[in-house]
Amino acid sequence: MLLLITDLILGTSQQDIVQLKSILHQSRNYLKLDYKLHIARYSRIADHCANYGLSDPIEKKWSEDCDHDHDQE
């Protein structure tokens, strides 16, 4: 969907559109291939903890407390 939207951006050079599409493709591949190897339901690394990352800090009905510390990087 985002790739289709890039063609609709007015006032952007063709070179910029090609670069944007390349960045979107690389981002998709990272999320699809690399990131899923690191994500876990519970992890002591905050960026890898799905429970922590998907919890809403404001709306409590959309959050779940972690029973572990995020003390690793």
PDB file of N, CA and C in Angstrom:
ATOM      1  N   MET A   1       0.822  -1.196   0.000  1.00  0.00           N
ATOM      2  CA  MET A   1       0.000   0.000   0.000  1.00  0.00           C
ATOM      3  C   MET A   1       0.866   1.260   0.000  1.00  0.00           C
ATOM      4  N   LEU A   2       1.884   1.289   0.848  1.00  0.00           N
ATOM      5  CA  LEU A   2       2.749   2.463   0.876  1.00  0.00           C
ATOM      6  C   LEU A   2       3.486   2.650  -0.441  1.00  0.00           C
ATOM      7  N   LEU A   3       3.838   1.542  -1.087  1.00  0.00           N
ATOM      8  CA  LEU A   3       4.506   1.646  -2.382  1.00  0.00           C
ATOM      9  C   LEU A   3       3.608   2.318  -3.410  1.00  0.00           C
ATOM     10  N   LEU A   4       2.315   2.054  -3.362  1.00  0.00           N
ATOM     11  CA  LEU A   4       1.380   2.692  -4.281  1.00  0.00           C
ATOM     12  C   LEU A   4       1.235   4.180  -3.984  1.00  0.00           C
ATOM     13  N   ILE A   5       1.260   4.526  -2.717  1.00  0.00           N
ATOM     14  CA  ILE A   5       1.122   5.925  -2.314  1.00  0.00           C
ATOM     15  C   ILE A   5       2.313   6.748  -2.772  1.00  0.00           C
ATOM     16  N   THR A   6       3.505   6.143  -2.812  1.00  0.00           N
ATOM     17  CA  THR A   6       4.692   6.907  -3.218  1.00  0.00           C
ATOM     18  C   THR A   6       4.549   7.439  -4.635  1.00  0.00           C
ATOM     19  N   ASP A   7       3.827   6.743  -5.497  1.00  0.00           N
ATOM     20  CA  ASP A   7       3.622   7.227  -6.865  1.00  0.00           C
ATOM     21  C   ASP A   7       2.711   8.453  -6.917  1.00  0.00           C
ATOM     22  N   LEU A   8       1.954   8.682  -5.859  1.00  0.00           N
ATOM     23  CA  LEU A   8       1.003   9.799  -5.834  1.00  0.00           C
ATOM     24  C   LEU A   8       1.579  11.070  -5.216  1.00  0.00           C
ATOM     25  N   ILE A   9       2.796  11.004  -4.694  1.00  0.00           N
ATOM     26  CA  ILE A   9       3.409  12.165  -4.056  1.00  0.00           C
ATOM     27  C   ILE A   9       3.759  13.186  -5.136  1.00  0.00           C
ATOM     28  N   LEU A  10       3.180  14.352  -5.036  1.00  0.00           N
ATOM     29  CA  LEU A  10       3.396  15.397  -6.035  1.00  0.00           C
ATOM     30  C   LEU A  10       4.666  16.181  -5.727  1.00  0.00           C
ATOM     31  N   GLY A  11       5.326  16.632  -6.751  1.00  0.00           N
ATOM     32  CA  GLY A  11       6.507  17.482  -6.586  1.00  0.00           C
ATOM     33  C   GLY A  11       7.740  16.724  -6.145  1.00  0.00           C
ATOM     34  N   THR A  12       7.761  15.422  -6.321  1.00  0.00           N
ATOM     35  CA  THR A  12       8.902  14.605  -5.915  1.00  0.00           C
ATOM     36  C   THR A  12       9.555  14.034  -7.168  1.00  0.00           C
ATOM     37  N   SER A  13      10.867  14.095  -7.202  1.00  0.00           N
ATOM     38  CA  SER A  13      11.578  13.594  -8.377  1.00  0.00           C
ATOM     39  C   SER A  13      11.473  12.075  -8.451  1.00  0.00           C
ATOM     40  N   GLN A  14      11.650  11.563  -9.654  1.00  0.00           N
ATOM     41  CA  GLN A  14      11.597  10.116  -9.865  1.00  0.00           C
ATOM     42  C   GLN A  14      12.691   9.419  -9.056  1.00  0.00           C
ATOM     43  N   GLN A  15      13.855  10.047  -8.957  1.00  0.00           N
ATOM     44  CA  GLN A  15      14.969   9.470  -8.188  1.00  0.00           C
ATOM     45  C   GLN A  15      14.608   9.348  -6.703  1.00  0.00           C
ATOM     46  N   ASP A  16      13.943  10.348  -6.160  1.00  0.00           N
ATOM     47  CA  ASP A  16      13.519  10.296  -4.756  1.00  0.00           C
ATOM     48  C   ASP A  16      12.466   9.206  -4.533  1.00  0.00           C
ATOM     49  N   ILE A  17      11.565   9.046  -5.488  1.00  0.00           N
ATOM     50  CA  ILE A  17      10.541   8.015  -5.372  1.00  0.00           C
ATOM     51  C   ILE A  17      11.173   6.626  -5.402  1.00  0.00           C
ATOM     52  N   VAL A  18      12.146   6.423  -6.296  1.00  0.00           N
ATOM     53  CA  VAL A  18      12.848   5.139  -6.372  1.00  0.00           C
ATOM     54  C   VAL A  18      13.572   4.862  -5.062  1.00  0.00           C
ATOM     55  N   GLN A  19      14.219   5.888  -4.496  1.00  0.00           N
ATOM     56  CA  GLN A  19      14.933   5.722  -3.222  1.00  0.00           C
ATOM     57  C   GLN A  19      13.956   5.409  -2.092  1.00  0.00           C
ATOM     58  N   LEU A  20      12.831   6.087  -2.052  1.00  0.00           N
ATOM     59  CA  LEU A  20      11.816   5.839  -1.019  1.00  0.00           C
ATOM     60  C   LEU A  20      11.280   4.412  -1.115  1.00  0.00           C
ATOM     61  N   LYS A  21      11.011   3.949  -2.335  1.00  0.00           N
ATOM     62  CA  LYS A  21      10.528   2.586  -2.518  1.00  0.00           C
ATOM     63  C   LYS A  21      11.574   1.567  -2.062  1.00  0.00           C
ATOM     64  N   SER A  22      12.834   1.859  -2.305  1.00  0.00           N
ATOM     65  CA  SER A  22      13.902   0.969  -1.862  1.00  0.00           C
ATOM     66  C   SER A  22      13.961   0.904  -0.339  1.00  0.00           C
ATOM     67  N   ILE A  23      13.836   2.037   0.311  1.00  0.00           N
ATOM     68  CA  ILE A  23      13.855   2.082   1.777  1.00  0.00           C
ATOM     69  C   ILE A  23      12.656   1.335   2.353  1.00  0.00           C
ATOM     70  N   LEU A  24      11.483   1.502   1.751  1.00  0.00           N
ATOM     71  CA  LEU A  24      10.297   0.782   2.210  1.00  0.00           C
ATOM     72  C   LEU A  24      10.476  -0.727   2.046  1.00  0.00           C
ATOM     73  N   HIS A  25      11.061  -1.141   0.947  1.00  0.00           N
ATOM     74  CA  HIS A  25      11.305  -2.561   0.705  1.00  0.00           C
ATOM     75  C   HIS A  25      12.291  -3.127   1.728  1.00  0.00           C
ATOM     76  N   GLN A  26      13.360  -2.390   2.010  1.00  0.00           N
ATOM     77  CA  GLN A  26      14.341  -2.826   3.006  1.00  0.00           C
ATOM     78  C   GLN A  26      13.710  -2.907   4.388  1.00  0.00           C
ATOM     79  N   SER A  27      12.859  -1.949   4.725  1.00  0.00           N
ATOM     80  CA  SER A  27      12.185  -1.952   6.029  1.00  0.00           C
ATOM     81  C   SER A  27      11.264  -3.157   6.156  1.00  0.00           C
ATOM     82  N   ARG A  28      10.528  -3.457   5.096  1.00  0.00           N
ATOM     83  CA  ARG A  28       9.640  -4.615   5.098  1.00  0.00           C
ATOM     84  C   ARG A  28      10.436  -5.899   5.304  1.00  0.00           C
ATOM     85  N   ASN A  29      11.546  -6.019   4.589  1.00  0.00           N
ATOM     86  CA  ASN A  29      12.370  -7.221   4.731  1.00  0.00           C
ATOM     87  C   ASN A  29      12.937  -7.353   6.139  1.00  0.00           C
ATOM     88  N   TYR A  30      13.338  -6.242   6.745  1.00  0.00           N
ATOM     89  CA  TYR A  30      13.861  -6.286   8.107  1.00  0.00           C
ATOM     90  C   TYR A  30      12.789  -6.791   9.072  1.00  0.00           C
ATOM     91  N   LEU A  31      11.588  -6.222   8.975  1.00  0.00           N
ATOM     92  CA  LEU A  31      10.517  -6.638   9.884  1.00  0.00           C
ATOM     93  C   LEU A  31      10.110  -8.085   9.644  1.00  0.00           C
ATOM     94  N   LYS A  32      10.098  -8.493   8.404  1.00  0.00           N
ATOM     95  CA  LYS A  32       9.651  -9.842   8.060  1.00  0.00           C
ATOM     96  C   LYS A  32      10.694 -10.905   8.384  1.00  0.00           C
ATOM     97  N   LEU A  33      11.967 -10.598   8.190  1.00  0.00           N
ATOM     98  CA  LEU A  33      13.006 -11.617   8.311  1.00  0.00           C
ATOM     99  C   LEU A  33      13.850 -11.495   9.587  1.00  0.00           C
ATOM    100  N   ASP A  34      14.396 -10.324   9.856  1.00  0.00           N
ATOM    101  CA  ASP A  34      15.341 -10.173  10.960  1.00  0.00           C
ATOM    102  C   ASP A  34      14.675  -9.925  12.312  1.00  0.00           C
ATOM    103  N   TYR A  35      13.715  -8.991  12.349  1.00  0.00           N
ATOM    104  CA  TYR A  35      13.133  -8.602  13.629  1.00  0.00           C
ATOM    105  C   TYR A  35      12.412  -9.759  14.300  1.00  0.00           C
ATOM    106  N   LYS A  36      11.739 -10.589  13.519  1.00  0.00           N
ATOM    107  CA  LYS A  36      10.977 -11.691  14.121  1.00  0.00           C
ATOM    108  C   LYS A  36      11.884 -12.707  14.809  1.00  0.00           C
ATOM    109  N   LEU A  37      13.158 -12.717  14.470  1.00  0.00           N
ATOM    110  CA  LEU A  37      14.090 -13.609  15.150  1.00  0.00           C
ATOM    111  C   LEU A  37      14.410 -13.129  16.566  1.00  0.00           C
ATOM    112  N   HIS A  38      14.201 -11.841  16.818  1.00  0.00           N
ATOM    113  CA  HIS A  38      14.560 -11.258  18.107  1.00  0.00           C
ATOM    114  C   HIS A  38      13.365 -11.026  19.026  1.00  0.00           C
ATOM    115  N   ILE A  39      12.169 -10.923  18.468  1.00  0.00           N
ATOM    116  CA  ILE A  39      10.990 -10.610  19.271  1.00  0.00           C
ATOM    117  C   ILE A  39      10.520 -11.856  20.028  1.00  0.00           C
ATOM    118  N   ALA A  40      10.070 -11.646  21.245  1.00  0.00           N
ATOM    119  CA  ALA A  40       9.553 -12.740  22.065  1.00  0.00           C
ATOM    120  C   ALA A  40       8.405 -12.198  22.907  1.00  0.00           C
ATOM    121  N   ARG A  41       7.552 -13.082  23.345  1.00  0.00           N
ATOM    122  CA  ARG A  41       6.421 -12.660  24.181  1.00  0.00           C
ATOM    123  C   ARG A  41       6.927 -11.955  25.438  1.00  0.00           C
ATOM    124  N   TYR A  42       7.961 -12.508  26.041  1.00  0.00           N
ATOM    125  CA  TYR A  42       8.580 -11.907  27.224  1.00  0.00           C
ATOM    126  C   TYR A  42      10.082 -11.870  26.995  1.00  0.00           C
ATOM    127  N   SER A  43      10.670 -10.719  27.153  1.00  0.00           N
ATOM    128  CA  SER A  43      12.111 -10.569  26.998  1.00  0.00           C
ATOM    129  C   SER A  43      12.593  -9.501  27.956  1.00  0.00           C
ATOM    130  N   ARG A  44      13.795  -9.668  28.453  1.00  0.00           N
ATOM    131  CA  ARG A  44      14.370  -8.676  29.359  1.00  0.00           C
ATOM    132  C   ARG A  44      14.918  -7.475  28.598  1.00  0.00           C
ATOM    133  N   ILE A  45      14.922  -7.542  27.278  1.00  0.00           N
ATOM    134  CA  ILE A  45      15.283  -6.417  26.424  1.00  0.00           C
ATOM    135  C   ILE A  45      13.978  -5.758  25.981  1.00  0.00           C
ATOM    136  N   ALA A  46      13.774  -4.495  26.347  1.00  0.00           N
ATOM    137  CA  ALA A  46      12.493  -3.829  26.107  1.00  0.00           C
ATOM    138  C   ALA A  46      12.104  -3.833  24.629  1.00  0.00           C
ATOM    139  N   ASP A  47      13.054  -3.615  23.730  1.00  0.00           N
ATOM    140  CA  ASP A  47      12.752  -3.580  22.293  1.00  0.00           C
ATOM    141  C   ASP A  47      12.357  -4.943  21.748  1.00  0.00           C
ATOM    142  N   HIS A  48      12.658  -6.007  22.458  1.00  0.00           N
ATOM    143  CA  HIS A  48      12.343  -7.361  22.000  1.00  0.00           C
ATOM    144  C   HIS A  48      11.148  -7.967  22.720  1.00  0.00           C
ATOM    145  N   CYS A  49      10.597  -7.261  23.672  1.00  0.00           N
ATOM    146  CA  CYS A  49       9.492  -7.768  24.484  1.00  0.00           C
ATOM    147  C   CYS A  49       8.156  -7.354  23.851  1.00  0.00           C
ATOM    148  N   ALA A  50       7.465  -8.317  23.252  1.00  0.00           N
ATOM    149  CA  ALA A  50       6.187  -8.032  22.598  1.00  0.00           C
ATOM    150  C   ALA A  50       5.150  -7.567  23.616  1.00  0.00           C
ATOM    151  N   ASN A  51       5.150  -8.157  24.777  1.00  0.00           N
ATOM    152  CA  ASN A  51       4.206  -7.787  25.815  1.00  0.00           C
ATOM    153  C   ASN A  51       4.369  -6.307  26.187  1.00  0.00           C
ATOM    154  N   TYR A  52       5.582  -5.863  26.345  1.00  0.00           N
ATOM    155  CA  TYR A  52       5.884  -4.473  26.692  1.00  0.00           C
ATOM    156  C   TYR A  52       5.593  -3.544  25.510  1.00  0.00           C
ATOM    157  N   GLY A  53       6.027  -3.933  24.332  1.00  0.00           N
ATOM    158  CA  GLY A  53       5.892  -3.087  23.158  1.00  0.00           C
ATOM    159  C   GLY A  53       4.464  -2.877  22.698  1.00  0.00           C
ATOM    160  N   LEU A  54       3.603  -3.844  22.925  1.00  0.00           N
ATOM    161  CA  LEU A  54       2.221  -3.742  22.463  1.00  0.00           C
ATOM    162  C   LEU A  54       1.275  -3.204  23.525  1.00  0.00           C
ATOM    163  N   SER A  55       1.779  -2.940  24.713  1.00  0.00           N
ATOM    164  CA  SER A  55       0.928  -2.415  25.785  1.00  0.00           C
ATOM    165  C   SER A  55       0.790  -0.905  25.651  1.00  0.00           C
ATOM    166  N   ASP A  56      -0.413  -0.426  25.874  1.00  0.00           N
ATOM    167  CA  ASP A  56      -0.691   1.007  25.837  1.00  0.00           C
ATOM    168  C   ASP A  56      -0.411   1.597  27.214  1.00  0.00           C
ATOM    169  N   PRO A  57       0.483   2.579  27.319  1.00  0.00           N
ATOM    170  CA  PRO A  57       0.825   3.131  28.628  1.00  0.00           C
ATOM    171  C   PRO A  57      -0.308   3.949  29.260  1.00  0.00           C
ATOM    172  N   ILE A  58      -1.285   4.378  28.469  1.00  0.00           N
ATOM    173  CA  ILE A  58      -2.370   5.219  28.989  1.00  0.00           C
ATOM    174  C   ILE A  58      -3.630   4.399  29.259  1.00  0.00           C
ATOM    175  N   GLU A  59      -4.053   3.619  28.280  1.00  0.00           N
ATOM    176  CA  GLU A  59      -5.282   2.843  28.394  1.00  0.00           C
ATOM    177  C   GLU A  59      -4.975   1.481  29.008  1.00  0.00           C
ATOM    178  N   LYS A  60      -5.331   1.304  30.264  1.00  0.00           N
ATOM    179  CA  LYS A  60      -4.983   0.088  31.004  1.00  0.00           C
ATOM    180  C   LYS A  60      -5.648  -1.171  30.457  1.00  0.00           C
ATOM    181  N   LYS A  61      -6.802  -1.052  29.831  1.00  0.00           N
ATOM    182  CA  LYS A  61      -7.443  -2.259  29.288  1.00  0.00           C
ATOM    183  C   LYS A  61      -6.700  -2.774  28.054  1.00  0.00           C
ATOM    184  N   TRP A  62      -5.796  -1.984  27.497  1.00  0.00           N
ATOM    185  CA  TRP A  62      -4.970  -2.390  26.358  1.00  0.00           C
ATOM    186  C   TRP A  62      -3.524  -2.595  26.767  1.00  0.00           C
ATOM    187  N   SER A  63      -3.297  -2.896  28.033  1.00  0.00           N
ATOM    188  CA  SER A  63      -1.919  -3.101  28.490  1.00  0.00           C
ATOM    189  C   SER A  63      -1.845  -4.294  29.424  1.00  0.00           C
ATOM    190  N   GLU A  64      -0.648  -4.795  29.553  1.00  0.00           N
ATOM    191  CA  GLU A  64      -0.386  -5.924  30.440  1.00  0.00           C
ATOM    192  C   GLU A  64       0.979  -5.685  31.061  1.00  0.00           C
ATOM    193  N   ASP A  65       1.045  -5.816  32.380  1.00  0.00           N
ATOM    194  CA  ASP A  65       2.308  -5.604  33.071  1.00  0.00           C
ATOM    195  C   ASP A  65       3.242  -6.788  32.846  1.00  0.00           C
ATOM    196  N   CYS A  66       4.512  -6.465  32.715  1.00  0.00           N
ATOM    197  CA  CYS A  66       5.528  -7.511  32.599  1.00  0.00           C
ATOM    198  C   CYS A  66       5.935  -7.952  34.000  1.00  0.00           C
ATOM    199  N   ASP A  67       6.186  -9.235  34.162  1.00  0.00           N
ATOM    200  CA  ASP A  67       6.620  -9.750  35.463  1.00  0.00           C
ATOM    201  C   ASP A  67       8.140  -9.883  35.519  1.00  0.00           C
ATOM    202  N   HIS A  68       8.814  -9.096  34.682  1.00  0.00           N
ATOM    203  CA  HIS A  68      10.275  -9.127  34.635  1.00  0.00           C
ATOM    204  C   HIS A  68      10.772  -7.707  34.371  1.00  0.00           C
ATOM    205  N   ASP A  69      12.037  -7.473  34.649  1.00  0.00           N
ATOM    206  CA  ASP A  69      12.657  -6.181  34.378  1.00  0.00           C
ATOM    207  C   ASP A  69      13.200  -6.148  32.958  1.00  0.00           C
ATOM    208  N   HIS A  70      13.271  -4.964  32.389  1.00  0.00           N
ATOM    209  CA  HIS A  70      13.898  -4.772  31.096  1.00  0.00           C
ATOM    210  C   HIS A  70      15.271  -4.131  31.354  1.00  0.00           C
ATOM    211  N   ASP A  71      16.169  -4.988  31.824  1.00  0.00           N
ATOM    212  CA  ASP A  71      17.473  -4.497  32.277  1.00  0.00           C
ATOM    213  C   ASP A  71      18.625  -4.912  31.359  1.00  0.00           C
ATOM    214  N   GLN A  72      18.300  -5.342  30.155  1.00  0.00           N
ATOM    215  CA  GLN A  72      19.326  -5.705  29.201  1.00  0.00           C
ATOM    216  C   GLN A  72      19.168  -4.866  27.940  1.00  0.00           C
ATOM    217  N   GLU A  73      20.255  -4.733  27.204  1.00  0.00           N
ATOM    218  CA  GLU A  73      20.231  -3.979  25.930  1.00  0.00           C
ATOM    219  C   GLU A  73      20.663  -4.869  24.814  1.00  0.00           C
TER     220      GLU A  73
END
